[in-house]
Amino acid sequence: MEKKQLLGSLLLTLVAVIWGTAFAFQRVGMDLIEPNTFSASRMTLSALFVGAVSLFNGKRVTFADAEEKRAYAKSTLVGGVCCGTFLAFATIFQQMGIVYTTAGKAGFITALYILIVPVMSFVLFGKRYPWTVWFVVLLGVVGLYLL
């Protein structure tokens, strides 16, 4: 395996471990602060980090003229605000839900998005997937049920 591939696999594994254990900490955190305070803190830190990364990456992009640069900046900003708004609402609702249920159930429901993405992209956009994707979706539903 190539070095970059190995590093990518290790980083994805680390992210999965952090993501998986986060629900337990989020549940405990709900005993100490309100869901909206917790979510606002997470979103603020995320916005600062993503903003810094996008400023750094924006300097590496070359543009033909100033108009193209403005259009790129505008579409990036609009896209970021739209995605951030939906993510913020999803996070707030998730945090509020964790107050009333177990971390395991919250993780189960959240993990369903992995399985819903191919279904929704097929229904909404007509994207075709090979049978292996549908087999994995079925396997994922069974696995999540068993959790």
C-alpha atoms as a PDB file:
ATOM      1  CA  MET A   1       0.000   0.000   0.000  1.00  0.00           C
ATOM      2  CA  GLU A   2       1.253   3.433  -0.904  1.00  0.00           C
ATOM      3  CA  LYS A   3       2.251   5.773   1.951  1.00  0.00           C
ATOM      4  CA  LYS A   4      -0.512   8.283   1.157  1.00  0.00           C
ATOM      5  CA  GLN A   5      -3.110   5.517   1.026  1.00  0.00           C
ATOM      6  CA  LEU A   6      -1.966   4.126   4.366  1.00  0.00           C
ATOM      7  CA  LEU A   7      -2.013   7.580   5.940  1.00  0.00           C
ATOM      8  CA  GLY A   8      -5.502   8.200   4.523  1.00  0.00           C
ATOM      9  CA  SER A   9      -6.766   4.888   5.892  1.00  0.00           C
ATOM     10  CA  LEU A  10      -5.262   5.579   9.315  1.00  0.00           C
ATOM     11  CA  LEU A  11      -6.773   9.067   9.432  1.00  0.00           C
ATOM     12  CA  LEU A  12     -10.203   7.742   8.429  1.00  0.00           C
ATOM     13  CA  THR A  13      -9.944   5.120  11.164  1.00  0.00           C
ATOM     14  CA  LEU A  14      -9.043   7.818  13.684  1.00  0.00           C
ATOM     15  CA  VAL A  15     -12.016   9.918  12.583  1.00  0.00           C
ATOM     16  CA  ALA A  16     -14.325   6.906  12.933  1.00  0.00           C
ATOM     17  CA  VAL A  17     -13.050   6.228  16.472  1.00  0.00           C
ATOM     18  CA  ILE A  18     -13.475   9.878  17.468  1.00  0.00           C
ATOM     19  CA  TRP A  19     -16.929  10.029  15.873  1.00  0.00           C
ATOM     20  CA  GLY A  20     -18.018   6.797  17.514  1.00  0.00           C
ATOM     21  CA  THR A  21     -16.910   7.752  21.006  1.00  0.00           C
ATOM     22  CA  ALA A  22     -18.187  11.317  20.740  1.00  0.00           C
ATOM     23  CA  PHE A  23     -21.782  10.323  21.464  1.00  0.00           C
ATOM     24  CA  ALA A  24     -20.907   9.104  24.943  1.00  0.00           C
ATOM     25  CA  PHE A  25     -19.146  12.379  25.725  1.00  0.00           C
ATOM     26  CA  GLN A  26     -21.976  14.406  24.200  1.00  0.00           C
ATOM     27  CA  ARG A  27     -24.469  12.564  26.398  1.00  0.00           C
ATOM     28  CA  VAL A  28     -22.429  13.324  29.519  1.00  0.00           C
ATOM     29  CA  GLY A  29     -22.034  16.919  28.376  1.00  0.00           C
ATOM     30  CA  MET A  30     -25.802  17.329  28.282  1.00  0.00           C
ATOM     31  CA  ASP A  31     -25.834  16.885  32.071  1.00  0.00           C
ATOM     32  CA  LEU A  32     -23.638  19.967  32.407  1.00  0.00           C
ATOM     33  CA  ILE A  33     -24.775  22.424  29.712  1.00  0.00           C
ATOM     34  CA  GLU A  34     -27.747  23.020  27.464  1.00  0.00           C
ATOM     35  CA  PRO A  35     -27.869  21.447  23.976  1.00  0.00           C
ATOM     36  CA  ASN A  36     -27.895  24.825  22.235  1.00  0.00           C
ATOM     37  CA  THR A  37     -24.833  26.035  24.159  1.00  0.00           C
ATOM     38  CA  PHE A  38     -22.989  22.842  23.285  1.00  0.00           C
ATOM     39  CA  SER A  39     -23.979  23.084  19.623  1.00  0.00           C
ATOM     40  CA  ALA A  40     -23.100  26.781  19.419  1.00  0.00           C
ATOM     41  CA  SER A  41     -19.635  26.045  20.814  1.00  0.00           C
ATOM     42  CA  ARG A  42     -19.084  23.249  18.298  1.00  0.00           C
ATOM     43  CA  MET A  43     -20.327  25.339  15.389  1.00  0.00           C
ATOM     44  CA  THR A  44     -18.178  28.331  16.360  1.00  0.00           C
ATOM     45  CA  LEU A  45     -15.024  26.214  16.561  1.00  0.00           C
ATOM     46  CA  SER A  46     -15.930  24.509  13.274  1.00  0.00           C
ATOM     47  CA  ALA A  47     -16.566  27.820  11.513  1.00  0.00           C
ATOM     48  CA  LEU A  48     -13.232  29.215  12.667  1.00  0.00           C
ATOM     49  CA  PHE A  49     -11.360  26.112  11.538  1.00  0.00           C
ATOM     50  CA  VAL A  50     -13.117  25.794   8.177  1.00  0.00           C
ATOM     51  CA  GLY A  51     -12.722  29.529   7.587  1.00  0.00           C
ATOM     52  CA  ALA A  52      -8.979  29.318   8.211  1.00  0.00           C
ATOM     53  CA  VAL A  53      -8.614  26.288   5.941  1.00  0.00           C
ATOM     54  CA  SER A  54     -10.609  27.918   3.157  1.00  0.00           C
ATOM     55  CA  LEU A  55      -8.572  31.122   3.364  1.00  0.00           C
ATOM     56  CA  PHE A  56      -5.398  29.056   3.102  1.00  0.00           C
ATOM     57  CA  ASN A  57      -6.727  27.000   0.178  1.00  0.00           C
ATOM     58  CA  GLY A  58      -8.161  30.065  -1.572  1.00  0.00           C
ATOM     59  CA  LYS A  59      -4.663  31.493  -1.938  1.00  0.00           C
ATOM     60  CA  ARG A  60      -3.581  28.416  -3.904  1.00  0.00           C
ATOM     61  CA  VAL A  61      -6.270  28.859  -6.580  1.00  0.00           C
ATOM     62  CA  THR A  62      -5.368  30.924  -9.637  1.00  0.00           C
ATOM     63  CA  PHE A  63      -7.965  33.000 -11.450  1.00  0.00           C
ATOM     64  CA  ALA A  64      -8.086  34.443 -14.950  1.00  0.00           C
ATOM     65  CA  ASP A  65      -9.367  37.817 -13.746  1.00  0.00           C
ATOM     66  CA  ALA A  66     -10.880  39.659 -10.795  1.00  0.00           C
ATOM     67  CA  GLU A  67     -14.442  38.841 -11.895  1.00  0.00           C
ATOM     68  CA  GLU A  68     -13.743  35.104 -11.794  1.00  0.00           C
ATOM     69  CA  LYS A  69     -12.188  35.502  -8.333  1.00  0.00           C
ATOM     70  CA  ARG A  70     -15.293  37.378  -7.066  1.00  0.00           C
ATOM     71  CA  ALA A  71     -17.618  34.735  -8.506  1.00  0.00           C
ATOM     72  CA  TYR A  72     -15.567  31.980  -6.863  1.00  0.00           C
ATOM     73  CA  ALA A  73     -15.591  33.803  -3.511  1.00  0.00           C
ATOM     74  CA  LYS A  74     -19.342  34.430  -3.728  1.00  0.00           C
ATOM     75  CA  SER A  75     -20.228  30.835  -4.630  1.00  0.00           C
ATOM     76  CA  THR A  76     -17.912  29.528  -1.914  1.00  0.00           C
ATOM     77  CA  LEU A  77     -19.466  31.827   0.672  1.00  0.00           C
ATOM     78  CA  VAL A  78     -23.062  31.070  -0.341  1.00  0.00           C
ATOM     79  CA  GLY A  79     -22.372  27.325  -0.463  1.00  0.00           C
ATOM     80  CA  GLY A  80     -20.610  27.419   2.893  1.00  0.00           C
ATOM     81  CA  VAL A  81     -23.403  29.377   4.569  1.00  0.00           C
ATOM     82  CA  CYS A  82     -26.085  27.055   3.163  1.00  0.00           C
ATOM     83  CA  CYS A  83     -24.230  23.879   4.153  1.00  0.00           C
ATOM     84  CA  GLY A  84     -23.327  25.350   7.533  1.00  0.00           C
ATOM     85  CA  THR A  85     -26.930  26.319   8.238  1.00  0.00           C
ATOM     86  CA  PHE A  86     -28.250  22.840   7.491  1.00  0.00           C
ATOM     87  CA  LEU A  87     -25.431  21.271   9.496  1.00  0.00           C
ATOM     88  CA  ALA A  88     -26.092  23.597  12.431  1.00  0.00           C
ATOM     89  CA  PHE A  89     -29.787  22.716  12.543  1.00  0.00           C
ATOM     90  CA  ALA A  90     -29.012  19.002  12.231  1.00  0.00           C
ATOM     91  CA  THR A  91     -26.487  19.245  15.067  1.00  0.00           C
ATOM     92  CA  ILE A  92     -28.865  21.190  17.293  1.00  0.00           C
ATOM     93  CA  PHE A  93     -31.670  18.673  16.746  1.00  0.00           C
ATOM     94  CA  GLN A  94     -29.268  15.803  17.363  1.00  0.00           C
ATOM     95  CA  GLN A  95     -28.025  17.349  20.605  1.00  0.00           C
ATOM     96  CA  MET A  96     -31.571  17.960  21.777  1.00  0.00           C
ATOM     97  CA  GLY A  97     -32.378  14.328  20.974  1.00  0.00           C
ATOM     98  CA  ILE A  98     -29.390  13.052  22.948  1.00  0.00           C
ATOM     99  CA  VAL A  99     -30.900  14.656  26.048  1.00  0.00           C
ATOM    100  CA  TYR A 100     -33.897  12.329  25.777  1.00  0.00           C
ATOM    101  CA  THR A 101     -32.302   9.062  24.622  1.00  0.00           C
ATOM    102  CA  THR A 102     -29.166   6.949  24.936  1.00  0.00           C
ATOM    103  CA  ALA A 103     -25.931   7.630  23.078  1.00  0.00           C
ATOM    104  CA  GLY A 104     -26.286   4.280  21.292  1.00  0.00           C
ATOM    105  CA  LYS A 105     -29.708   5.129  19.886  1.00  0.00           C
ATOM    106  CA  ALA A 106     -28.516   8.562  18.802  1.00  0.00           C
ATOM    107  CA  GLY A 107     -25.520   6.988  17.083  1.00  0.00           C
ATOM    108  CA  PHE A 108     -27.772   4.465  15.353  1.00  0.00           C
ATOM    109  CA  ILE A 109     -30.089   7.119  13.979  1.00  0.00           C
ATOM    110  CA  THR A 110     -27.192   9.339  12.926  1.00  0.00           C
ATOM    111  CA  ALA A 111     -25.397   6.456  11.188  1.00  0.00           C
ATOM    112  CA  LEU A 112     -28.452   5.889   9.017  1.00  0.00           C
ATOM    113  CA  TYR A 113     -27.413   8.898   6.911  1.00  0.00           C
ATOM    114  CA  ILE A 114     -24.652   6.746   5.421  1.00  0.00           C
ATOM    115  CA  LEU A 115     -27.301   4.410   4.104  1.00  0.00           C
ATOM    116  CA  ILE A 116     -29.770   7.120   3.138  1.00  0.00           C
ATOM    117  CA  VAL A 117     -27.330   8.966   0.829  1.00  0.00           C
ATOM    118  CA  PRO A 118     -27.402   6.393  -2.012  1.00  0.00           C
ATOM    119  CA  VAL A 119     -31.164   5.958  -1.642  1.00  0.00           C
ATOM    120  CA  MET A 120     -31.851   9.708  -1.776  1.00  0.00           C
ATOM    121  CA  SER A 121     -29.441  10.307  -4.654  1.00  0.00           C
ATOM    122  CA  PHE A 122     -31.208   7.553  -6.599  1.00  0.00           C
ATOM    123  CA  VAL A 123     -34.686   8.887  -5.814  1.00  0.00           C
ATOM    124  CA  LEU A 124     -33.931  12.593  -6.267  1.00  0.00           C
ATOM    125  CA  PHE A 125     -31.269  12.558  -8.990  1.00  0.00           C
ATOM    126  CA  GLY A 126     -31.680   9.158 -10.649  1.00  0.00           C
ATOM    127  CA  LYS A 127     -28.059   8.246  -9.896  1.00  0.00           C
ATOM    128  CA  ARG A 128     -27.457   4.585 -10.701  1.00  0.00           C
ATOM    129  CA  TYR A 129     -25.341   2.426  -8.407  1.00  0.00           C
ATOM    130  CA  PRO A 130     -23.962  -1.078  -8.919  1.00  0.00           C
ATOM    131  CA  TRP A 131     -25.605  -3.954  -7.053  1.00  0.00           C
ATOM    132  CA  THR A 132     -22.691  -3.987  -4.599  1.00  0.00           C
ATOM    133  CA  VAL A 133     -23.735  -0.583  -3.225  1.00  0.00           C
ATOM    134  CA  TRP A 134     -27.287  -1.812  -2.614  1.00  0.00           C
ATOM    135  CA  PHE A 135     -25.934  -4.968  -0.996  1.00  0.00           C
ATOM    136  CA  VAL A 136     -23.800  -2.858   1.345  1.00  0.00           C
ATOM    137  CA  VAL A 137     -26.784  -0.602   2.136  1.00  0.00           C
ATOM    138  CA  LEU A 138     -28.808  -3.691   3.082  1.00  0.00           C
ATOM    139  CA  LEU A 139     -25.893  -5.064   5.092  1.00  0.00           C
ATOM    140  CA  GLY A 140     -25.533  -1.689   6.840  1.00  0.00           C
ATOM    141  CA  VAL A 141     -29.219  -1.603   7.784  1.00  0.00           C
ATOM    142  CA  VAL A 142     -28.956  -5.104   9.249  1.00  0.00           C
ATOM    143  CA  GLY A 143     -25.741  -4.195  11.086  1.00  0.00           C
ATOM    144  CA  LEU A 144     -27.211  -0.995  12.497  1.00  0.00           C
ATOM    145  CA  TYR A 145     -30.313  -2.899  13.581  1.00  0.00           C
ATOM    146  CA  LEU A 146     -28.147  -5.390  15.426  1.00  0.00           C
ATOM    147  CA  LEU A 147     -26.387  -2.541  17.221  1.00  0.00           C
END
